[in-house]
Each structure stands twice: as C-alpha cells, then as structure tokens.
Amino acid sequence: LVQPGGSLRLSCAASGSSFRFYVMGWYRQAP
C-alpha cells in the first residue's frame, strides 16, 4: 500500500539457468 505520488519496487526472482535468454515482462490486472 502506497500513497499517491509514492514509489514501490517490485522484484521477480526466477529459477532455472536460462534466465538471461528470456523476454521478461510485467503485467497487471485491476478488478
């Protein structure tokens, strides 16, 4: 939870040895 104007940093940790080859993306879904 953050106030308007604030900041957050999301992280996504991956398993596996081929991470560097993947195209990575962030998606979102609002209600």
ModelCIF file with pLDDT and N, C-alpha, C, O atoms, coordinates in Angstrom:
data_MODEL
#
_entry.id   MODEL 
#
_entity.id                         1 
_entity.type                       polymer 
_entity.pdbx_number_of_molecules   1 
#
_entity_poly.entity_id                      1 
_entity_poly.type                           'polypeptide(L)' 
_entity_poly.nstd_linkage                   no 
_entity_poly.nstd_monomer                   no 
_entity_poly.pdbx_seq_one_letter_code       LVQPGGSLRLSCAASGSSFRFYVMGWYRQAP 
_entity_poly.pdbx_seq_one_letter_code_can   LVQPGGSLRLSCAASGSSFRFYVMGWYRQAP 
_entity_poly.pdbx_strand_id                 A 
#
loop_
_entity_poly_seq.entity_id 
_entity_poly_seq.num 
_entity_poly_seq.mon_id 
_entity_poly_seq.hetero 
1 1  LEU n 
1 2  VAL n 
1 3  GLN n 
1 4  PRO n 
1 5  GLY n 
1 6  GLY n 
1 7  SER n 
1 8  LEU n 
1 9  ARG n 
1 10 LEU n 
1 11 SER n 
1 12 CYS n 
1 13 ALA n 
1 14 ALA n 
1 15 SER n 
1 16 GLY n 
1 17 SER n 
1 18 SER n 
1 19 PHE n 
1 20 ARG n 
1 21 PHE n 
1 22 TYR n 
1 23 VAL n 
1 24 MET n 
1 25 GLY n 
1 26 TRP n 
1 27 TYR n 
1 28 ARG n 
1 29 GLN n 
1 30 ALA n 
1 31 PRO n 
#
_struct_asym.id          A 
_struct_asym.entity_id   1 
#
loop_
_ma_qa_metric.id 
_ma_qa_metric.mode 
_ma_qa_metric.name 
_ma_qa_metric.software_group_id 
_ma_qa_metric.type 
1 global pLDDT . pLDDT 
2 local  pLDDT . pLDDT 
#
_ma_qa_metric_global.metric_id      1 
_ma_qa_metric_global.metric_value   95.55 
_ma_qa_metric_global.model_id       1 
_ma_qa_metric_global.ordinal_id     1 
#
loop_
_ma_qa_metric_local.label_asym_id 
_ma_qa_metric_local.label_comp_id 
_ma_qa_metric_local.label_seq_id 
_ma_qa_metric_local.metric_id 
_ma_qa_metric_local.metric_value 
_ma_qa_metric_local.model_id 
_ma_qa_metric_local.ordinal_id 
A LEU 1  2 98.00 1 1  
A VAL 2  2 98.00 1 2  
A GLN 3  2 98.00 1 3  
A PRO 4  2 98.00 1 4  
A GLY 5  2 98.00 1 5  
A GLY 6  2 98.00 1 6  
A SER 7  2 98.00 1 7  
A LEU 8  2 98.00 1 8  
A ARG 9  2 98.00 1 9  
A LEU 10 2 98.00 1 10 
A SER 11 2 98.00 1 11 
A CYS 12 2 98.00 1 12 
A ALA 13 2 98.00 1 13 
A ALA 14 2 97.00 1 14 
A SER 15 2 94.00 1 15 
A GLY 16 2 80.00 1 16 
A SER 17 2 78.00 1 17 
A SER 18 2 89.00 1 18 
A PHE 19 2 93.00 1 19 
A ARG 20 2 93.00 1 20 
A PHE 21 2 94.00 1 21 
A TYR 22 2 96.00 1 22 
A VAL 23 2 97.00 1 23 
A MET 24 2 98.00 1 24 
A GLY 25 2 98.00 1 25 
A TRP 26 2 98.00 1 26 
A TYR 27 2 98.00 1 27 
A ARG 28 2 98.00 1 28 
A GLN 29 2 98.00 1 29 
A ALA 30 2 97.00 1 30 
A PRO 31 2 92.00 1 31 
#
loop_
_atom_site.group_PDB 
_atom_site.id 
_atom_site.type_symbol 
_atom_site.label_atom_id 
_atom_site.label_alt_id 
_atom_site.label_comp_id 
_atom_site.label_asym_id 
_atom_site.label_entity_id 
_atom_site.label_seq_id 
_atom_site.pdbx_PDB_ins_code 
_atom_site.Cartn_x 
_atom_site.Cartn_y 
_atom_site.Cartn_z 
_atom_site.occupancy 
_atom_site.B_iso_or_equiv 
_atom_site.pdbx_formal_charge 
_atom_site.auth_seq_id 
_atom_site.auth_comp_id 
_atom_site.auth_asym_id 
_atom_site.auth_atom_id 
_atom_site.pdbx_PDB_model_num 
ATOM 1   N N  . LEU A 1 1  ? 0.855   -1.189  0.000   1.00 98.00 ? 1  LEU A N  1 
ATOM 2   C CA . LEU A 1 1  ? 0.000   0.000   0.000   1.00 98.00 ? 1  LEU A CA 1 
ATOM 3   C C  . LEU A 1 1  ? 0.890   1.238   0.000   1.00 98.00 ? 1  LEU A C  1 
ATOM 4   O O  . LEU A 1 1  ? 1.815   1.349   0.805   1.00 98.00 ? 1  LEU A O  1 
ATOM 5   N N  . VAL A 1 2  ? 0.605   2.157   -0.899  1.00 98.00 ? 2  VAL A N  1 
ATOM 6   C CA . VAL A 1 2  ? 1.397   3.377   -1.003  1.00 98.00 ? 2  VAL A CA 1 
ATOM 7   C C  . VAL A 1 2  ? 0.474   4.536   -1.331  1.00 98.00 ? 2  VAL A C  1 
ATOM 8   O O  . VAL A 1 2  ? -0.546  4.359   -1.997  1.00 98.00 ? 2  VAL A O  1 
ATOM 9   N N  . GLN A 1 3  ? 0.830   5.716   -0.864  1.00 98.00 ? 3  GLN A N  1 
ATOM 10  C CA . GLN A 1 3  ? 0.034   6.903   -1.160  1.00 98.00 ? 3  GLN A CA 1 
ATOM 11  C C  . GLN A 1 3  ? 0.301   7.391   -2.583  1.00 98.00 ? 3  GLN A C  1 
ATOM 12  O O  . GLN A 1 3  ? 1.365   7.128   -3.143  1.00 98.00 ? 3  GLN A O  1 
ATOM 13  N N  . PRO A 1 4  ? -0.655  8.096   -3.160  1.00 98.00 ? 4  PRO A N  1 
ATOM 14  C CA . PRO A 1 4  ? -0.411  8.691   -4.489  1.00 98.00 ? 4  PRO A CA 1 
ATOM 15  C C  . PRO A 1 4  ? 0.852   9.546   -4.477  1.00 98.00 ? 4  PRO A C  1 
ATOM 16  O O  . PRO A 1 4  ? 1.108   10.301  -3.539  1.00 98.00 ? 4  PRO A O  1 
ATOM 17  N N  . GLY A 1 5  ? 1.632   9.404   -5.546  1.00 98.00 ? 5  GLY A N  1 
ATOM 18  C CA . GLY A 1 5  ? 2.910   10.100  -5.632  1.00 98.00 ? 5  GLY A CA 1 
ATOM 19  C C  . GLY A 1 5  ? 4.074   9.319   -5.079  1.00 98.00 ? 5  GLY A C  1 
ATOM 20  O O  . GLY A 1 5  ? 5.229   9.705   -5.259  1.00 98.00 ? 5  GLY A O  1 
ATOM 21  N N  . GLY A 1 6  ? 3.782   8.220   -4.405  1.00 98.00 ? 6  GLY A N  1 
ATOM 22  C CA . GLY A 1 6  ? 4.832   7.409   -3.811  1.00 98.00 ? 6  GLY A CA 1 
ATOM 23  C C  . GLY A 1 6  ? 5.481   6.460   -4.796  1.00 98.00 ? 6  GLY A C  1 
ATOM 24  O O  . GLY A 1 6  ? 5.178   6.464   -5.989  1.00 98.00 ? 6  GLY A O  1 
ATOM 25  N N  . SER A 1 7  ? 6.393   5.637   -4.260  1.00 98.00 ? 7  SER A N  1 
ATOM 26  C CA . SER A 1 7  ? 7.162   4.703   -5.086  1.00 98.00 ? 7  SER A CA 1 
ATOM 27  C C  . SER A 1 7  ? 7.154   3.306   -4.487  1.00 98.00 ? 7  SER A C  1 
ATOM 28  O O  . SER A 1 7  ? 7.035   3.126   -3.275  1.00 98.00 ? 7  SER A O  1 
ATOM 29  N N  . LEU A 1 8  ? 7.283   2.338   -5.359  1.00 98.00 ? 8  LEU A N  1 
ATOM 30  C CA . LEU A 1 8  ? 7.474   0.946   -4.971  1.00 98.00 ? 8  LEU A CA 1 
ATOM 31  C C  . LEU A 1 8  ? 8.417   0.312   -5.980  1.00 98.00 ? 8  LEU A C  1 
ATOM 32  O O  . LEU A 1 8  ? 8.487   0.736   -7.134  1.00 98.00 ? 8  LEU A O  1 
ATOM 33  N N  . ARG A 1 9  ? 9.144   -0.713  -5.533  1.00 98.00 ? 9  ARG A N  1 
ATOM 34  C CA . ARG A 1 9  ? 9.948   -1.510  -6.452  1.00 98.00 ? 9  ARG A CA 1 
ATOM 35  C C  . ARG A 1 9  ? 9.526   -2.965  -6.336  1.00 98.00 ? 9  ARG A C  1 
ATOM 36  O O  . ARG A 1 9  ? 9.633   -3.578  -5.273  1.00 98.00 ? 9  ARG A O  1 
ATOM 37  N N  . LEU A 1 10 ? 9.050   -3.502  -7.436  1.00 98.00 ? 10 LEU A N  1 
ATOM 38  C CA . LEU A 1 10 ? 8.689   -4.906  -7.495  1.00 98.00 ? 10 LEU A CA 1 
ATOM 39  C C  . LEU A 1 10 ? 9.892   -5.719  -7.961  1.00 98.00 ? 10 LEU A C  1 
ATOM 40  O O  . LEU A 1 10 ? 10.694  -5.266  -8.777  1.00 98.00 ? 10 LEU A O  1 
ATOM 41  N N  . SER A 1 11 ? 9.994   -6.916  -7.426  1.00 98.00 ? 11 SER A N  1 
ATOM 42  C CA . SER A 1 11 ? 11.040  -7.848  -7.826  1.00 98.00 ? 11 SER A CA 1 
ATOM 43  C C  . SER A 1 11 ? 10.408  -9.162  -8.258  1.00 98.00 ? 11 SER A C  1 
ATOM 44  O O  . SER A 1 11 ? 9.358   -9.563  -7.756  1.00 98.00 ? 11 SER A O  1 
ATOM 45  N N  . CYS A 1 12 ? 11.065  -9.816  -9.192  1.00 98.00 ? 12 CYS A N  1 
ATOM 46  C CA . CYS A 1 12 ? 10.611  -11.128 -9.662  1.00 98.00 ? 12 CYS A CA 1 
ATOM 47  C C  . CYS A 1 12 ? 11.840  -12.017 -9.767  1.00 98.00 ? 12 CYS A C  1 
ATOM 48  O O  . CYS A 1 12 ? 12.693  -11.827 -10.634 1.00 98.00 ? 12 CYS A O  1 
ATOM 49  N N  . ALA A 1 13 ? 11.911  -12.991 -8.870  1.00 98.00 ? 13 ALA A N  1 
ATOM 50  C CA . ALA A 1 13 ? 13.040  -13.917 -8.848  1.00 98.00 ? 13 ALA A CA 1 
ATOM 51  C C  . ALA A 1 13 ? 12.693  -15.162 -9.648  1.00 98.00 ? 13 ALA A C  1 
ATOM 52  O O  . ALA A 1 13 ? 11.620  -15.744 -9.488  1.00 98.00 ? 13 ALA A O  1 
ATOM 53  N N  . ALA A 1 14 ? 13.624  -15.560 -10.514 1.00 97.00 ? 14 ALA A N  1 
ATOM 54  C CA . ALA A 1 14 ? 13.390  -16.697 -11.400 1.00 97.00 ? 14 ALA A CA 1 
ATOM 55  C C  . ALA A 1 14 ? 14.318  -17.852 -11.074 1.00 97.00 ? 14 ALA A C  1 
ATOM 56  O O  . ALA A 1 14 ? 15.467  -17.656 -10.679 1.00 97.00 ? 14 ALA A O  1 
ATOM 57  N N  . SER A 1 15 ? 13.801  -19.052 -11.246 1.00 94.00 ? 15 SER A N  1 
ATOM 58  C CA . SER A 1 15 ? 14.631  -20.244 -11.132 1.00 94.00 ? 15 SER A CA 1 
ATOM 59  C C  . SER A 1 15 ? 15.127  -20.626 -12.517 1.00 94.00 ? 15 SER A C  1 
ATOM 60  O O  . SER A 1 15 ? 14.673  -20.061 -13.512 1.00 94.00 ? 15 SER A O  1 
ATOM 61  N N  . GLY A 1 16 ? 16.047  -21.571 -12.593 1.00 80.00 ? 16 GLY A N  1 
ATOM 62  C CA . GLY A 1 16 ? 16.499  -22.043 -13.893 1.00 80.00 ? 16 GLY A CA 1 
ATOM 63  C C  . GLY A 1 16 ? 17.741  -21.336 -14.373 1.00 80.00 ? 16 GLY A C  1 
ATOM 64  O O  . GLY A 1 16 ? 18.052  -20.229 -13.935 1.00 80.00 ? 16 GLY A O  1 
ATOM 65  N N  . SER A 1 17 ? 18.451  -21.990 -15.282 1.00 78.00 ? 17 SER A N  1 
ATOM 66  C CA . SER A 1 17 ? 19.753  -21.493 -15.722 1.00 78.00 ? 17 SER A CA 1 
ATOM 67  C C  . SER A 1 17 ? 19.707  -20.679 -17.004 1.00 78.00 ? 17 SER A C  1 
ATOM 68  O O  . SER A 1 17 ? 20.733  -20.158 -17.439 1.00 78.00 ? 17 SER A O  1 
ATOM 69  N N  . SER A 1 18 ? 18.532  -20.560 -17.618 1.00 89.00 ? 18 SER A N  1 
ATOM 70  C CA . SER A 1 18 ? 18.445  -19.876 -18.910 1.00 89.00 ? 18 SER A CA 1 
ATOM 71  C C  . SER A 1 18 ? 17.789  -18.513 -18.809 1.00 89.00 ? 18 SER A C  1 
ATOM 72  O O  . SER A 1 18 ? 17.296  -17.978 -19.803 1.00 89.00 ? 18 SER A O  1 
ATOM 73  N N  . PHE A 1 19 ? 17.782  -17.952 -17.605 1.00 93.00 ? 19 PHE A N  1 
ATOM 74  C CA . PHE A 1 19 ? 17.062  -16.694 -17.381 1.00 93.00 ? 19 PHE A CA 1 
ATOM 75  C C  . PHE A 1 19 ? 17.476  -15.623 -18.373 1.00 93.00 ? 19 PHE A C  1 
ATOM 76  O O  . PHE A 1 19 ? 16.634  -14.874 -18.867 1.00 93.00 ? 19 PHE A O  1 
ATOM 77  N N  . ARG A 1 20 ? 18.762  -15.544 -18.667 1.00 93.00 ? 20 ARG A N  1 
ATOM 78  C CA . ARG A 1 20 ? 19.249  -14.427 -19.475 1.00 93.00 ? 20 ARG A CA 1 
ATOM 79  C C  . ARG A 1 20 ? 18.683  -14.431 -20.892 1.00 93.00 ? 20 ARG A C  1 
ATOM 80  O O  . ARG A 1 20 ? 18.735  -13.410 -21.578 1.00 93.00 ? 20 ARG A O  1 
ATOM 81  N N  . PHE A 1 21 ? 18.146  -15.560 -21.338 1.00 94.00 ? 21 PHE A N  1 
ATOM 82  C CA . PHE A 1 21 ? 17.612  -15.643 -22.694 1.00 94.00 ? 21 PHE A CA 1 
ATOM 83  C C  . PHE A 1 21 ? 16.135  -15.233 -22.778 1.00 94.00 ? 21 PHE A C  1 
ATOM 84  O O  . PHE A 1 21 ? 15.615  -14.984 -23.866 1.00 94.00 ? 21 PHE A O  1 
ATOM 85  N N  . TYR A 1 22 ? 15.476  -15.168 -21.636 1.00 96.00 ? 22 TYR A N  1 
ATOM 86  C CA . TYR A 1 22 ? 14.044  -14.914 -21.615 1.00 96.00 ? 22 TYR A CA 1 
ATOM 87  C C  . TYR A 1 22 ? 13.726  -13.437 -21.856 1.00 96.00 ? 22 TYR A C  1 
ATOM 88  O O  . TYR A 1 22 ? 14.460  -12.548 -21.426 1.00 96.00 ? 22 TYR A O  1 
ATOM 89  N N  . VAL A 1 23 ? 12.612  -13.199 -22.554 1.00 97.00 ? 23 VAL A N  1 
ATOM 90  C CA . VAL A 1 23 ? 11.996  -11.880 -22.551 1.00 97.00 ? 23 VAL A CA 1 
ATOM 91  C C  . VAL A 1 23 ? 11.137  -11.818 -21.288 1.00 97.00 ? 23 VAL A C  1 
ATOM 92  O O  . VAL A 1 23 ? 10.244  -12.642 -21.087 1.00 97.00 ? 23 VAL A O  1 
ATOM 93  N N  . MET A 1 24 ? 11.418  -10.846 -20.458 1.00 98.00 ? 24 MET A N  1 
ATOM 94  C CA . MET A 1 24 ? 10.697  -10.712 -19.187 1.00 98.00 ? 24 MET A CA 1 
ATOM 95  C C  . MET A 1 24 ? 9.711   -9.564  -19.265 1.00 98.00 ? 24 MET A C  1 
ATOM 96  O O  . MET A 1 24 ? 9.974   -8.542  -19.898 1.00 98.00 ? 24 MET A O  1 
ATOM 97  N N  . GLY A 1 25 ? 8.578   -9.744  -18.618 1.00 98.00 ? 25 GLY A N  1 
ATOM 98  C CA . GLY A 1 25 ? 7.563   -8.710  -18.651 1.00 98.00 ? 25 GLY A CA 1 
ATOM 99  C C  . GLY A 1 25 ? 6.830   -8.577  -17.339 1.00 98.00 ? 25 GLY A C  1 
ATOM 100 O O  . GLY A 1 25 ? 6.772   -9.511  -16.539 1.00 98.00 ? 25 GLY A O  1 
ATOM 101 N N  . TRP A 1 26 ? 6.277   -7.414  -17.135 1.00 98.00 ? 26 TRP A N  1 
ATOM 102 C CA . TRP A 1 26 ? 5.357   -7.158  -16.022 1.00 98.00 ? 26 TRP A CA 1 
ATOM 103 C C  . TRP A 1 26 ? 3.980   -6.847  -16.613 1.00 98.00 ? 26 TRP A C  1 
ATOM 104 O O  . TRP A 1 26 ? 3.842   -6.021  -17.515 1.00 98.00 ? 26 TRP A O  1 
ATOM 105 N N  . TYR A 1 27 ? 2.976   -7.529  -16.079 1.00 98.00 ? 27 TYR A N  1 
ATOM 106 C CA . TYR A 1 27 ? 1.590   -7.304  -16.447 1.00 98.00 ? 27 TYR A CA 1 
ATOM 107 C C  . TYR A 1 27 ? 0.847   -6.873  -15.183 1.00 98.00 ? 27 TYR A C  1 
ATOM 108 O O  . TYR A 1 27 ? 1.349   -7.035  -14.070 1.00 98.00 ? 27 TYR A O  1 
ATOM 109 N N  . ARG A 1 28 ? -0.348  -6.326  -15.367 1.00 98.00 ? 28 ARG A N  1 
ATOM 110 C CA . ARG A 1 28 ? -1.183  -6.011  -14.214 1.00 98.00 ? 28 ARG A CA 1 
ATOM 111 C C  . ARG A 1 28 ? -2.650  -6.247  -14.557 1.00 98.00 ? 28 ARG A C  1 
ATOM 112 O O  . ARG A 1 28 ? -3.072  -6.176  -15.711 1.00 98.00 ? 28 ARG A O  1 
ATOM 113 N N  . GLN A 1 29 ? -3.394  -6.526  -13.516 1.00 98.00 ? 29 GLN A N  1 
ATOM 114 C CA . GLN A 1 29 ? -4.827  -6.744  -13.675 1.00 98.00 ? 29 GLN A CA 1 
ATOM 115 C C  . GLN A 1 29 ? -5.556  -6.048  -12.546 1.00 98.00 ? 29 GLN A C  1 
ATOM 116 O O  . GLN A 1 29 ? -5.405  -6.406  -11.378 1.00 98.00 ? 29 GLN A O  1 
ATOM 117 N N  . ALA A 1 30 ? -6.344  -5.056  -12.903 1.00 97.00 ? 30 ALA A N  1 
ATOM 118 C CA . ALA A 1 30 ? -7.162  -4.342  -11.936 1.00 97.00 ? 30 ALA A CA 1 
ATOM 119 C C  . ALA A 1 30 ? -8.508  -5.046  -11.815 1.00 97.00 ? 30 ALA A C  1 
ATOM 120 O O  . ALA A 1 30 ? -8.910  -5.764  -12.731 1.00 97.00 ? 30 ALA A O  1 
ATOM 121 N N  . PRO A 1 31 ? -9.210  -4.854  -10.700 1.00 92.00 ? 31 PRO A N  1 
ATOM 122 C CA . PRO A 1 31 ? -10.516 -5.500  -10.519 1.00 92.00 ? 31 PRO A CA 1 
ATOM 123 C C  . PRO A 1 31 ? -11.471 -5.169  -11.663 1.00 92.00 ? 31 PRO A C  1 
ATOM 124 O O  . PRO A 1 31 ? -12.612 -5.631  -11.667 1.00 92.00 ? 31 PRO A O  1 
#
